[in-house]
Structures are given as C-alpha cells and as structure tokens.
Amino acid sequence: MKTFPITAAIIAATLPAVAPAQNGLLGRVLKAITVPAAQGAPSPTPVRPIAVVEPSAEQARAIHDAVAARQTNPDIAKDMAAAAPLIERLIRTSACGVNDTAWRALNRDAVTPSSYGPSQGYVARGEDQYHDPRYCQDVLRLSDVRKPAANALAFTVYYISPQSQAAHHQTFELLRTPEGLWMVKTIGMVWG
C-alpha cells in the first residue's frame, strides 16, 4: 500500500494554511517557547528543576570535603573514593531537595527504583518548616562509615539549617554490583 506518501503529502499541504491561524494565545505561547532567541540577544535563564535548589559554592565545597575526608580503614577509603560521585549526589539531593520527588533523579543509580512522593521524609530540607526553601541545608559531616558487607558501604550524614539551626541526620547504604558499579541500596528517613 502506498497510502503513507499520499497522507504525508496531504498533511504537508495543509500545514502552511494552519500556521497563520496560530496568532491566538496558544500560537503566541508556542512561539515564545519554540522560537530561538535572536542573534546577539541574551538567551533566557535556564529553568532549574523544581525538586532541587542549587547549593552555594561553600556548601558544594563542604559536601565534597565531607566525602573526601580521610578514612582510617583502607578498604573503606578505597570504596569511598570509588563511590564518591554517587555519594556527593546523594548528599546534595538531601541537602538541597525541595521535597522527596528529588530522589527520582537517582532512580537509574538505585538497586530498586522508587516513585518517591512529595512528602515522605527523605530530604533534610523537608523536615524543617523554618528553613528558607530557596537554600540548601549545610552539611556538618559524613560519619559512621562502615562496610556491612564486602560489597557495601553505609554512612550517616548530618545536616543543619543556616537559618533555623535545626539539625537532622540521615543514613544511606550503597551496594557495589559484580561489574564494580556503585548503586543506592537504601535512603534512610531524615531524623531530627
């Protein structure tokens, strides 16, 4: 059957006639979001995902330093270094997540992906009603690092709000796959 080329030709012939009719509200909205900025004009400010705010430079450095802190056990030190990028993402997500839907971005790195709801108690910011929602929580430290198994890491992260001074902590557990990839096994509840 040769109906596809005929159908495509009919659609193509009608599109130019439809375009001038898009001068209403929908047409203006479509133009605003699809027409590229003019040459030399500043590009629009990128929209941040609503589930996470950006940490300040000091907060990002504190997260990195907490993960890079020296470990006395050489096995733990080796695994912490290998899992560091994932651990930094976990800490940043909890400290800067607006609500629990922020964890969905880590589903590809999870042993068991989950559809986190907006308020289940898994982000540090979500537990502090007096914290300014435009900012991240500060990371005080990463501690209690242990190896519950040869291919696993567990640790606790302590957070504090720069505004309210309320402190929270949260535990995480990671699992190393046979291929050597670190994945999130458990994201613990936030406790005050």
N, C-alpha and C. Protein backbone atom coordinates (compact mmCIF):
# COMPACT_ATOMS: atom_id res chain seq x y z
N MET A 1 0.83 -1.19 0.00
CA MET A 1 0.00 0.00 0.00
C MET A 1 0.87 1.24 0.00
N LYS A 2 0.44 2.25 -0.73
CA LYS A 2 1.19 3.49 -0.84
C LYS A 2 0.40 4.65 -0.24
N THR A 3 -0.31 4.39 0.86
CA THR A 3 -1.12 5.46 1.46
C THR A 3 -0.27 6.42 2.28
N PHE A 4 0.86 5.95 2.81
CA PHE A 4 1.68 6.82 3.65
C PHE A 4 2.18 8.05 2.90
N PRO A 5 2.77 7.93 1.70
CA PRO A 5 3.22 9.13 1.00
C PRO A 5 2.06 10.07 0.65
N ILE A 6 0.90 9.51 0.32
CA ILE A 6 -0.25 10.35 0.00
C ILE A 6 -0.71 11.10 1.25
N THR A 7 -0.78 10.39 2.38
CA THR A 7 -1.20 11.02 3.63
C THR A 7 -0.20 12.10 4.03
N ALA A 8 1.08 11.82 3.90
CA ALA A 8 2.11 12.80 4.25
C ALA A 8 2.00 14.04 3.36
N ALA A 9 1.71 13.85 2.09
CA ALA A 9 1.57 14.98 1.17
C ALA A 9 0.38 15.84 1.55
N ILE A 10 -0.72 15.21 1.96
CA ILE A 10 -1.91 15.97 2.36
C ILE A 10 -1.61 16.78 3.62
N ILE A 11 -0.94 16.16 4.59
CA ILE A 11 -0.61 16.87 5.83
C ILE A 11 0.33 18.03 5.54
N ALA A 12 1.35 17.80 4.73
CA ALA A 12 2.30 18.86 4.39
C ALA A 12 1.62 20.01 3.66
N ALA A 13 0.64 19.69 2.82
CA ALA A 13 -0.05 20.74 2.08
C ALA A 13 -0.94 21.58 2.99
N THR A 14 -1.45 21.00 4.06
CA THR A 14 -2.35 21.75 4.95
C THR A 14 -1.60 22.52 6.03
N LEU A 15 -0.37 22.17 6.36
CA LEU A 15 0.36 22.85 7.43
C LEU A 15 0.56 24.34 7.19
N PRO A 16 0.97 24.79 6.00
CA PRO A 16 1.14 26.23 5.83
C PRO A 16 -0.16 27.00 6.05
N ALA A 17 -1.29 26.39 5.76
CA ALA A 17 -2.58 27.06 5.96
C ALA A 17 -2.91 27.16 7.44
N VAL A 18 -2.42 26.22 8.25
CA VAL A 18 -2.71 26.22 9.67
C VAL A 18 -1.84 27.25 10.40
N ALA A 19 -0.60 27.42 9.96
CA ALA A 19 0.34 28.29 10.66
C ALA A 19 -0.16 29.72 10.85
N PRO A 20 -0.75 30.39 9.83
CA PRO A 20 -1.22 31.75 10.06
C PRO A 20 -2.35 31.82 11.08
N ALA A 21 -3.06 30.73 11.28
CA ALA A 21 -4.17 30.74 12.23
C ALA A 21 -3.68 30.70 13.67
N GLN A 22 -2.38 30.50 13.87
CA GLN A 22 -1.86 30.39 15.23
C GLN A 22 -1.45 31.74 15.79
N ASN A 23 -2.26 32.74 15.62
CA ASN A 23 -1.97 34.06 16.17
C ASN A 23 -2.67 34.29 17.49
N GLY A 24 -3.47 33.32 17.93
CA GLY A 24 -4.15 33.43 19.20
C GLY A 24 -3.19 33.20 20.35
N LEU A 25 -3.75 33.02 21.53
CA LEU A 25 -2.95 32.83 22.73
C LEU A 25 -2.04 31.61 22.61
N LEU A 26 -2.59 30.49 22.14
CA LEU A 26 -1.78 29.28 22.00
C LEU A 26 -0.62 29.50 21.03
N GLY A 27 -0.87 30.18 19.94
CA GLY A 27 0.18 30.45 18.97
C GLY A 27 1.29 31.30 19.55
N ARG A 28 0.92 32.31 20.33
CA ARG A 28 1.93 33.16 20.96
C ARG A 28 2.75 32.40 21.99
N VAL A 29 2.09 31.53 22.75
CA VAL A 29 2.81 30.72 23.73
C VAL A 29 3.78 29.78 23.03
N LEU A 30 3.31 29.13 21.97
CA LEU A 30 4.18 28.22 21.22
C LEU A 30 5.38 28.96 20.64
N LYS A 31 5.16 30.15 20.11
CA LYS A 31 6.28 30.92 19.57
C LYS A 31 7.27 31.30 20.66
N ALA A 32 6.75 31.67 21.82
CA ALA A 32 7.63 32.09 22.91
C ALA A 32 8.53 30.96 23.40
N ILE A 33 8.02 29.74 23.36
CA ILE A 33 8.84 28.65 23.88
C ILE A 33 9.61 27.89 22.81
N THR A 34 9.26 28.09 21.53
CA THR A 34 9.94 27.33 20.49
C THR A 34 10.83 28.17 19.59
N VAL A 35 10.59 29.47 19.47
CA VAL A 35 11.39 30.31 18.59
C VAL A 35 12.72 30.62 19.27
N PRO A 36 13.85 30.34 18.63
CA PRO A 36 15.14 30.63 19.26
C PRO A 36 15.34 32.13 19.44
N ALA A 37 16.18 32.47 20.41
CA ALA A 37 16.48 33.88 20.68
C ALA A 37 17.16 34.49 19.46
N ALA A 38 16.92 35.77 19.25
CA ALA A 38 17.53 36.47 18.11
C ALA A 38 19.04 36.51 18.28
N GLN A 39 19.74 36.64 17.14
CA GLN A 39 21.20 36.71 17.17
C GLN A 39 21.64 37.84 18.08
N GLY A 40 22.54 37.55 19.00
CA GLY A 40 23.08 38.57 19.88
C GLY A 40 22.23 38.83 21.11
N ALA A 41 20.98 38.36 21.12
CA ALA A 41 20.13 38.56 22.28
C ALA A 41 20.51 37.56 23.37
N PRO A 42 20.43 37.97 24.62
CA PRO A 42 20.78 37.03 25.68
C PRO A 42 19.78 35.87 25.70
N SER A 43 20.30 34.67 25.94
CA SER A 43 19.40 33.53 26.00
C SER A 43 18.62 33.58 27.30
N PRO A 44 17.43 33.01 27.32
CA PRO A 44 16.64 33.06 28.54
C PRO A 44 17.33 32.28 29.66
N THR A 45 17.06 32.67 30.89
CA THR A 45 17.63 31.99 32.04
C THR A 45 17.12 30.56 32.07
N PRO A 46 18.03 29.58 32.21
CA PRO A 46 17.56 28.20 32.26
C PRO A 46 16.71 27.97 33.50
N VAL A 47 15.71 27.15 33.36
CA VAL A 47 14.81 26.85 34.47
C VAL A 47 15.36 25.65 35.22
N ARG A 48 15.53 25.82 36.52
CA ARG A 48 16.03 24.77 37.39
C ARG A 48 14.92 23.76 37.64
N PRO A 49 15.26 22.47 37.82
CA PRO A 49 14.23 21.53 38.21
C PRO A 49 13.65 21.96 39.55
N ILE A 50 12.35 21.88 39.70
CA ILE A 50 11.73 22.39 40.91
C ILE A 50 11.99 21.52 42.13
N ALA A 51 12.51 20.32 41.94
CA ALA A 51 12.72 19.42 43.07
C ALA A 51 14.03 19.68 43.81
N VAL A 52 14.95 20.46 43.24
CA VAL A 52 16.26 20.68 43.86
C VAL A 52 16.68 22.13 43.65
N VAL A 53 17.25 22.75 44.70
CA VAL A 53 17.84 24.09 44.55
C VAL A 53 19.35 23.92 44.47
N GLU A 54 20.03 24.94 44.00
CA GLU A 54 21.49 24.88 43.84
C GLU A 54 22.19 25.21 45.16
N PRO A 55 23.21 24.44 45.51
CA PRO A 55 23.98 24.79 46.71
C PRO A 55 24.88 25.99 46.42
N SER A 56 25.22 26.72 47.46
CA SER A 56 26.20 27.80 47.30
C SER A 56 27.56 27.16 47.05
N ALA A 57 28.53 27.95 46.65
CA ALA A 57 29.88 27.43 46.41
C ALA A 57 30.45 26.83 47.70
N GLU A 58 30.19 27.48 48.83
CA GLU A 58 30.68 26.97 50.11
C GLU A 58 30.02 25.65 50.46
N GLN A 59 28.72 25.54 50.20
CA GLN A 59 28.02 24.30 50.50
C GLN A 59 28.50 23.16 49.60
N ALA A 60 28.71 23.45 48.32
CA ALA A 60 29.21 22.42 47.40
C ALA A 60 30.60 21.96 47.83
N ARG A 61 31.43 22.88 48.26
CA ARG A 61 32.77 22.54 48.73
C ARG A 61 32.69 21.69 50.01
N ALA A 62 31.76 22.04 50.91
CA ALA A 62 31.60 21.27 52.16
C ALA A 62 31.14 19.84 51.88
N ILE A 63 30.28 19.68 50.89
CA ILE A 63 29.84 18.33 50.50
C ILE A 63 31.03 17.54 49.98
N HIS A 64 31.78 18.15 49.08
CA HIS A 64 32.96 17.48 48.52
C HIS A 64 33.96 17.11 49.61
N ASP A 65 34.22 18.05 50.52
CA ASP A 65 35.19 17.82 51.59
C ASP A 65 34.72 16.71 52.54
N ALA A 66 33.42 16.66 52.82
CA ALA A 66 32.89 15.61 53.70
C ALA A 66 33.11 14.23 53.09
N VAL A 67 32.90 14.13 51.79
CA VAL A 67 33.08 12.84 51.10
C VAL A 67 34.56 12.49 50.99
N ALA A 68 35.41 13.49 50.79
CA ALA A 68 36.84 13.26 50.60
C ALA A 68 37.61 13.12 51.91
N ALA A 69 36.93 13.26 53.05
CA ALA A 69 37.61 13.18 54.35
C ALA A 69 38.35 11.85 54.48
N ARG A 70 39.50 11.90 55.12
CA ARG A 70 40.36 10.72 55.26
C ARG A 70 39.66 9.63 56.07
N GLN A 71 39.73 8.42 55.57
CA GLN A 71 39.19 7.26 56.26
C GLN A 71 40.37 6.42 56.76
N THR A 72 40.31 5.96 58.01
CA THR A 72 41.42 5.20 58.57
C THR A 72 41.47 3.76 58.05
N ASN A 73 40.33 3.19 57.73
CA ASN A 73 40.28 1.83 57.20
C ASN A 73 40.57 1.87 55.70
N PRO A 74 41.63 1.20 55.23
CA PRO A 74 41.98 1.28 53.80
C PRO A 74 40.91 0.72 52.87
N ASP A 75 40.17 -0.30 53.30
CA ASP A 75 39.09 -0.84 52.46
C ASP A 75 37.97 0.18 52.30
N ILE A 76 37.63 0.84 53.39
CA ILE A 76 36.59 1.88 53.34
C ILE A 76 37.08 3.06 52.51
N ALA A 77 38.33 3.46 52.69
CA ALA A 77 38.88 4.58 51.92
C ALA A 77 38.81 4.30 50.42
N LYS A 78 39.17 3.09 50.02
CA LYS A 78 39.13 2.71 48.61
C LYS A 78 37.70 2.75 48.06
N ASP A 79 36.76 2.19 48.81
CA ASP A 79 35.37 2.18 48.36
C ASP A 79 34.75 3.58 48.36
N MET A 80 35.10 4.40 49.36
CA MET A 80 34.60 5.78 49.39
C MET A 80 35.09 6.55 48.17
N ALA A 81 36.34 6.36 47.80
CA ALA A 81 36.88 7.06 46.63
C ALA A 81 36.16 6.60 45.36
N ALA A 82 35.89 5.31 45.25
CA ALA A 82 35.22 4.79 44.06
C ALA A 82 33.76 5.25 43.98
N ALA A 83 33.11 5.38 45.13
CA ALA A 83 31.69 5.75 45.15
C ALA A 83 31.48 7.25 45.35
N ALA A 84 32.54 8.04 45.43
CA ALA A 84 32.45 9.47 45.75
C ALA A 84 31.45 10.25 44.89
N PRO A 85 31.43 10.10 43.57
CA PRO A 85 30.46 10.88 42.79
C PRO A 85 29.01 10.59 43.17
N LEU A 86 28.70 9.32 43.42
CA LEU A 86 27.33 8.96 43.82
C LEU A 86 27.03 9.48 45.22
N ILE A 87 27.98 9.37 46.13
CA ILE A 87 27.77 9.86 47.49
C ILE A 87 27.53 11.36 47.49
N GLU A 88 28.30 12.11 46.70
CA GLU A 88 28.09 13.56 46.61
C GLU A 88 26.69 13.87 46.09
N ARG A 89 26.23 13.13 45.10
CA ARG A 89 24.88 13.35 44.56
C ARG A 89 23.81 13.05 45.62
N LEU A 90 24.01 12.00 46.41
CA LEU A 90 23.07 11.67 47.47
C LEU A 90 22.99 12.79 48.50
N ILE A 91 24.14 13.24 48.95
CA ILE A 91 24.18 14.29 49.98
C ILE A 91 23.58 15.58 49.44
N ARG A 92 23.94 15.95 48.22
CA ARG A 92 23.41 17.18 47.62
C ARG A 92 21.89 17.09 47.44
N THR A 93 21.40 15.93 47.04
CA THR A 93 19.95 15.78 46.84
C THR A 93 19.21 15.95 48.15
N SER A 94 19.71 15.36 49.23
CA SER A 94 19.03 15.50 50.51
C SER A 94 19.14 16.93 51.05
N ALA A 95 20.32 17.53 50.95
CA ALA A 95 20.53 18.88 51.49
C ALA A 95 19.77 19.93 50.69
N CYS A 96 19.60 19.70 49.39
CA CYS A 96 19.03 20.73 48.51
C CYS A 96 17.68 20.35 47.92
N GLY A 97 17.20 19.15 48.19
CA GLY A 97 15.92 18.72 47.65
C GLY A 97 14.77 19.49 48.27
N VAL A 98 13.89 20.01 47.43
CA VAL A 98 12.73 20.76 47.91
C VAL A 98 11.74 19.80 48.55
N ASN A 99 11.58 18.63 47.95
CA ASN A 99 10.74 17.58 48.51
C ASN A 99 11.27 16.23 48.04
N ASP A 100 10.62 15.16 48.43
CA ASP A 100 11.14 13.82 48.16
C ASP A 100 11.15 13.43 46.69
N THR A 101 10.45 14.15 45.84
CA THR A 101 10.50 13.81 44.41
C THR A 101 11.90 14.04 43.84
N ALA A 102 12.74 14.77 44.55
CA ALA A 102 14.12 14.99 44.10
C ALA A 102 14.87 13.67 43.94
N TRP A 103 14.50 12.66 44.73
CA TRP A 103 15.19 11.36 44.66
C TRP A 103 14.94 10.63 43.35
N ARG A 104 13.90 10.98 42.64
CA ARG A 104 13.61 10.30 41.37
C ARG A 104 14.77 10.43 40.39
N ALA A 105 15.54 11.50 40.49
CA ALA A 105 16.69 11.70 39.60
C ALA A 105 17.77 10.65 39.82
N LEU A 106 17.75 9.97 40.95
CA LEU A 106 18.75 8.93 41.23
C LEU A 106 18.22 7.52 40.96
N ASN A 107 17.03 7.39 40.40
CA ASN A 107 16.47 6.06 40.16
C ASN A 107 17.35 5.19 39.27
N ARG A 108 18.05 5.78 38.32
CA ARG A 108 18.93 4.98 37.45
C ARG A 108 20.13 4.43 38.22
N ASP A 109 20.42 5.01 39.37
CA ASP A 109 21.53 4.56 40.20
C ASP A 109 21.06 3.77 41.42
N ALA A 110 19.81 3.33 41.41
CA ALA A 110 19.24 2.63 42.55
C ALA A 110 19.11 1.13 42.28
N VAL A 111 19.37 0.34 43.31
CA VAL A 111 19.16 -1.10 43.20
C VAL A 111 17.68 -1.36 42.93
N THR A 112 16.81 -0.67 43.67
CA THR A 112 15.36 -0.78 43.49
C THR A 112 14.80 0.62 43.29
N PRO A 113 14.54 1.05 42.05
CA PRO A 113 13.98 2.38 41.81
C PRO A 113 12.63 2.55 42.50
N SER A 114 12.32 3.79 42.86
CA SER A 114 11.08 4.07 43.57
C SER A 114 10.48 5.39 43.08
N SER A 115 9.17 5.47 43.12
CA SER A 115 8.48 6.72 42.79
C SER A 115 8.21 7.47 44.08
N TYR A 116 9.19 8.23 44.50
CA TYR A 116 9.06 8.96 45.75
C TYR A 116 7.97 10.02 45.62
N GLY A 117 7.13 10.12 46.65
CA GLY A 117 6.09 11.14 46.69
C GLY A 117 6.67 12.44 47.22
N PRO A 118 5.85 13.50 47.23
CA PRO A 118 6.37 14.81 47.63
C PRO A 118 6.71 14.95 49.11
N SER A 119 6.14 14.15 49.99
CA SER A 119 6.44 14.35 51.42
C SER A 119 6.46 13.02 52.16
N GLN A 120 7.58 12.33 52.05
CA GLN A 120 7.73 11.07 52.76
C GLN A 120 8.86 11.11 53.78
N GLY A 121 9.52 12.25 53.96
CA GLY A 121 10.55 12.40 54.98
C GLY A 121 11.94 11.95 54.58
N TYR A 122 12.28 12.07 53.28
CA TYR A 122 13.57 11.60 52.82
C TYR A 122 14.55 12.71 52.42
N VAL A 123 14.18 13.98 52.52
CA VAL A 123 15.13 15.06 52.27
C VAL A 123 15.26 15.91 53.54
N ALA A 124 16.49 16.31 53.84
CA ALA A 124 16.75 17.06 55.07
C ALA A 124 15.97 18.36 55.12
N ARG A 125 15.88 19.04 54.00
CA ARG A 125 15.15 20.32 53.97
C ARG A 125 13.68 20.15 54.27
N GLY A 126 13.12 19.03 53.88
CA GLY A 126 11.68 18.81 54.04
C GLY A 126 11.24 18.68 55.48
N GLU A 127 12.16 18.41 56.38
CA GLU A 127 11.81 18.22 57.78
C GLU A 127 11.89 19.50 58.61
N ASP A 128 12.27 20.61 58.00
CA ASP A 128 12.48 21.85 58.74
C ASP A 128 11.54 22.93 58.22
N GLN A 129 10.46 23.16 58.93
CA GLN A 129 9.47 24.14 58.47
C GLN A 129 9.96 25.58 58.59
N TYR A 130 11.06 25.82 59.29
CA TYR A 130 11.58 27.17 59.46
C TYR A 130 12.76 27.48 58.54
N HIS A 131 13.17 26.51 57.75
CA HIS A 131 14.29 26.70 56.83
C HIS A 131 13.81 27.45 55.59
N ASP A 132 14.60 28.40 55.11
CA ASP A 132 14.25 29.15 53.90
C ASP A 132 14.31 28.20 52.70
N PRO A 133 13.18 27.98 52.00
CA PRO A 133 13.14 26.99 50.93
C PRO A 133 13.98 27.33 49.70
N ARG A 134 14.53 28.53 49.65
CA ARG A 134 15.36 28.90 48.50
C ARG A 134 16.79 28.40 48.62
N TYR A 135 17.15 27.85 49.78
CA TYR A 135 18.54 27.48 50.04
C TYR A 135 18.67 26.03 50.50
N CYS A 136 19.88 25.51 50.35
CA CYS A 136 20.20 24.16 50.81
C CYS A 136 20.48 24.16 52.31
N GLN A 137 20.40 22.98 52.90
CA GLN A 137 20.89 22.80 54.26
C GLN A 137 22.42 22.70 54.18
N ASP A 138 23.10 23.06 55.25
CA ASP A 138 24.55 22.88 55.32
C ASP A 138 24.84 21.44 55.73
N VAL A 139 25.94 20.90 55.23
CA VAL A 139 26.38 19.56 55.62
C VAL A 139 27.42 19.72 56.73
N LEU A 140 27.12 19.17 57.89
CA LEU A 140 28.06 19.24 59.01
C LEU A 140 29.17 18.20 58.85
N ARG A 141 28.77 16.96 58.58
CA ARG A 141 29.77 15.91 58.42
C ARG A 141 29.13 14.64 57.88
N LEU A 142 30.00 13.79 57.38
CA LEU A 142 29.65 12.43 56.97
C LEU A 142 30.41 11.54 57.95
N SER A 143 29.71 10.67 58.66
CA SER A 143 30.39 9.86 59.67
C SER A 143 29.78 8.47 59.75
N ASP A 144 30.25 7.71 60.72
CA ASP A 144 29.77 6.34 60.95
C ASP A 144 29.87 5.50 59.69
N VAL A 145 30.95 5.70 58.93
CA VAL A 145 31.14 4.95 57.69
C VAL A 145 31.53 3.52 58.06
N ARG A 146 30.83 2.57 57.46
CA ARG A 146 31.09 1.17 57.75
C ARG A 146 30.82 0.32 56.52
N LYS A 147 31.30 -0.90 56.57
CA LYS A 147 31.09 -1.86 55.49
C LYS A 147 30.24 -3.01 56.04
N PRO A 148 28.93 -2.98 55.84
CA PRO A 148 28.09 -4.07 56.34
C PRO A 148 28.35 -5.39 55.60
N ALA A 149 28.96 -5.30 54.44
CA ALA A 149 29.36 -6.47 53.65
C ALA A 149 30.56 -6.05 52.80
N ALA A 150 31.23 -7.01 52.22
CA ALA A 150 32.42 -6.70 51.41
C ALA A 150 32.09 -5.80 50.23
N ASN A 151 30.86 -5.88 49.72
CA ASN A 151 30.46 -5.09 48.55
C ASN A 151 29.46 -3.99 48.92
N ALA A 152 29.52 -3.50 50.15
CA ALA A 152 28.55 -2.49 50.59
C ALA A 152 29.23 -1.42 51.44
N LEU A 153 28.63 -0.24 51.41
CA LEU A 153 29.04 0.89 52.26
C LEU A 153 27.79 1.46 52.92
N ALA A 154 27.92 1.85 54.17
CA ALA A 154 26.83 2.53 54.87
C ALA A 154 27.43 3.72 55.60
N PHE A 155 26.67 4.80 55.71
CA PHE A 155 27.18 6.00 56.37
C PHE A 155 26.02 6.89 56.79
N THR A 156 26.33 7.83 57.67
CA THR A 156 25.34 8.79 58.17
C THR A 156 25.82 10.19 57.81
N VAL A 157 24.89 11.04 57.39
CA VAL A 157 25.20 12.43 57.05
C VAL A 157 24.42 13.32 58.01
N TYR A 158 25.09 14.34 58.54
CA TYR A 158 24.48 15.30 59.46
C TYR A 158 24.34 16.65 58.77
N TYR A 159 23.14 17.22 58.86
CA TYR A 159 22.81 18.49 58.20
C TYR A 159 22.38 19.51 59.26
N ILE A 160 22.51 20.80 58.92
CA ILE A 160 21.98 21.86 59.78
C ILE A 160 21.49 22.99 58.88
N SER A 161 20.39 23.59 59.29
CA SER A 161 19.85 24.73 58.54
C SER A 161 20.59 25.99 58.92
N PRO A 162 21.11 26.74 57.93
CA PRO A 162 21.77 28.00 58.27
C PRO A 162 20.80 29.04 58.85
N GLN A 163 19.52 28.90 58.55
CA GLN A 163 18.54 29.87 59.04
C GLN A 163 17.99 29.48 60.42
N SER A 164 17.48 28.26 60.56
CA SER A 164 16.80 27.89 61.80
C SER A 164 17.72 27.20 62.81
N GLN A 165 18.89 26.75 62.34
CA GLN A 165 19.85 26.00 63.15
C GLN A 165 19.32 24.62 63.58
N ALA A 166 18.22 24.17 62.99
CA ALA A 166 17.71 22.83 63.25
C ALA A 166 18.65 21.81 62.59
N ALA A 167 18.95 20.74 63.32
CA ALA A 167 19.88 19.72 62.81
C ALA A 167 19.12 18.43 62.52
N HIS A 168 19.58 17.71 61.50
CA HIS A 168 18.97 16.45 61.09
C HIS A 168 20.08 15.49 60.68
N HIS A 169 19.76 14.21 60.69
CA HIS A 169 20.72 13.23 60.17
C HIS A 169 19.97 12.17 59.36
N GLN A 170 20.73 11.51 58.51
CA GLN A 170 20.15 10.54 57.58
C GLN A 170 21.19 9.48 57.25
N THR A 171 20.74 8.24 57.13
CA THR A 171 21.66 7.16 56.78
C THR A 171 21.44 6.72 55.33
N PHE A 172 22.51 6.24 54.73
CA PHE A 172 22.48 5.73 53.35
C PHE A 172 23.23 4.41 53.31
N GLU A 173 22.85 3.58 52.37
CA GLU A 173 23.59 2.34 52.13
C GLU A 173 23.76 2.15 50.63
N LEU A 174 24.98 1.83 50.23
CA LEU A 174 25.30 1.60 48.82
C LEU A 174 25.72 0.15 48.62
N LEU A 175 25.52 -0.33 47.42
CA LEU A 175 25.88 -1.70 47.07
C LEU A 175 26.70 -1.68 45.79
N ARG A 176 27.82 -2.40 45.78
CA ARG A 176 28.65 -2.49 44.58
C ARG A 176 28.22 -3.73 43.79
N THR A 177 27.90 -3.53 42.52
CA THR A 177 27.48 -4.64 41.67
C THR A 177 28.69 -5.49 41.30
N PRO A 178 28.47 -6.71 40.79
CA PRO A 178 29.60 -7.54 40.34
C PRO A 178 30.44 -6.85 39.26
N GLU A 179 29.84 -5.90 38.53
CA GLU A 179 30.57 -5.15 37.50
C GLU A 179 31.38 -4.00 38.08
N GLY A 180 31.27 -3.77 39.39
CA GLY A 180 32.03 -2.71 40.04
C GLY A 180 31.31 -1.37 40.13
N LEU A 181 30.05 -1.31 39.73
CA LEU A 181 29.27 -0.08 39.76
C LEU A 181 28.61 0.09 41.13
N TRP A 182 28.73 1.28 41.70
CA TRP A 182 28.08 1.56 42.99
C TRP A 182 26.66 2.02 42.74
N MET A 183 25.71 1.44 43.51
CA MET A 183 24.29 1.78 43.38
C MET A 183 23.71 2.06 44.76
N VAL A 184 22.62 2.82 44.78
CA VAL A 184 21.93 3.16 46.03
C VAL A 184 21.09 1.96 46.45
N LYS A 185 21.34 1.47 47.66
CA LYS A 185 20.54 0.36 48.20
C LYS A 185 19.44 0.90 49.10
N THR A 186 19.81 1.85 49.99
CA THR A 186 18.84 2.38 50.95
C THR A 186 19.05 3.88 51.14
N ILE A 187 17.95 4.62 51.11
CA ILE A 187 17.93 6.02 51.51
C ILE A 187 17.10 6.06 52.77
N GLY A 188 17.74 6.38 53.89
CA GLY A 188 17.03 6.37 55.17
C GLY A 188 16.18 7.61 55.38
N MET A 189 15.26 7.48 56.31
CA MET A 189 14.43 8.61 56.71
C MET A 189 15.32 9.67 57.37
N VAL A 190 14.87 10.92 57.34
CA VAL A 190 15.58 12.01 58.00
C VAL A 190 15.08 12.10 59.43
N TRP A 191 16.01 12.18 60.37
CA TRP A 191 15.67 12.28 61.78
C TRP A 191 16.25 13.55 62.37
N GLY A 192 15.50 14.17 63.28
CA GLY A 192 15.95 15.40 63.91
C GLY A 192 16.68 15.17 65.18
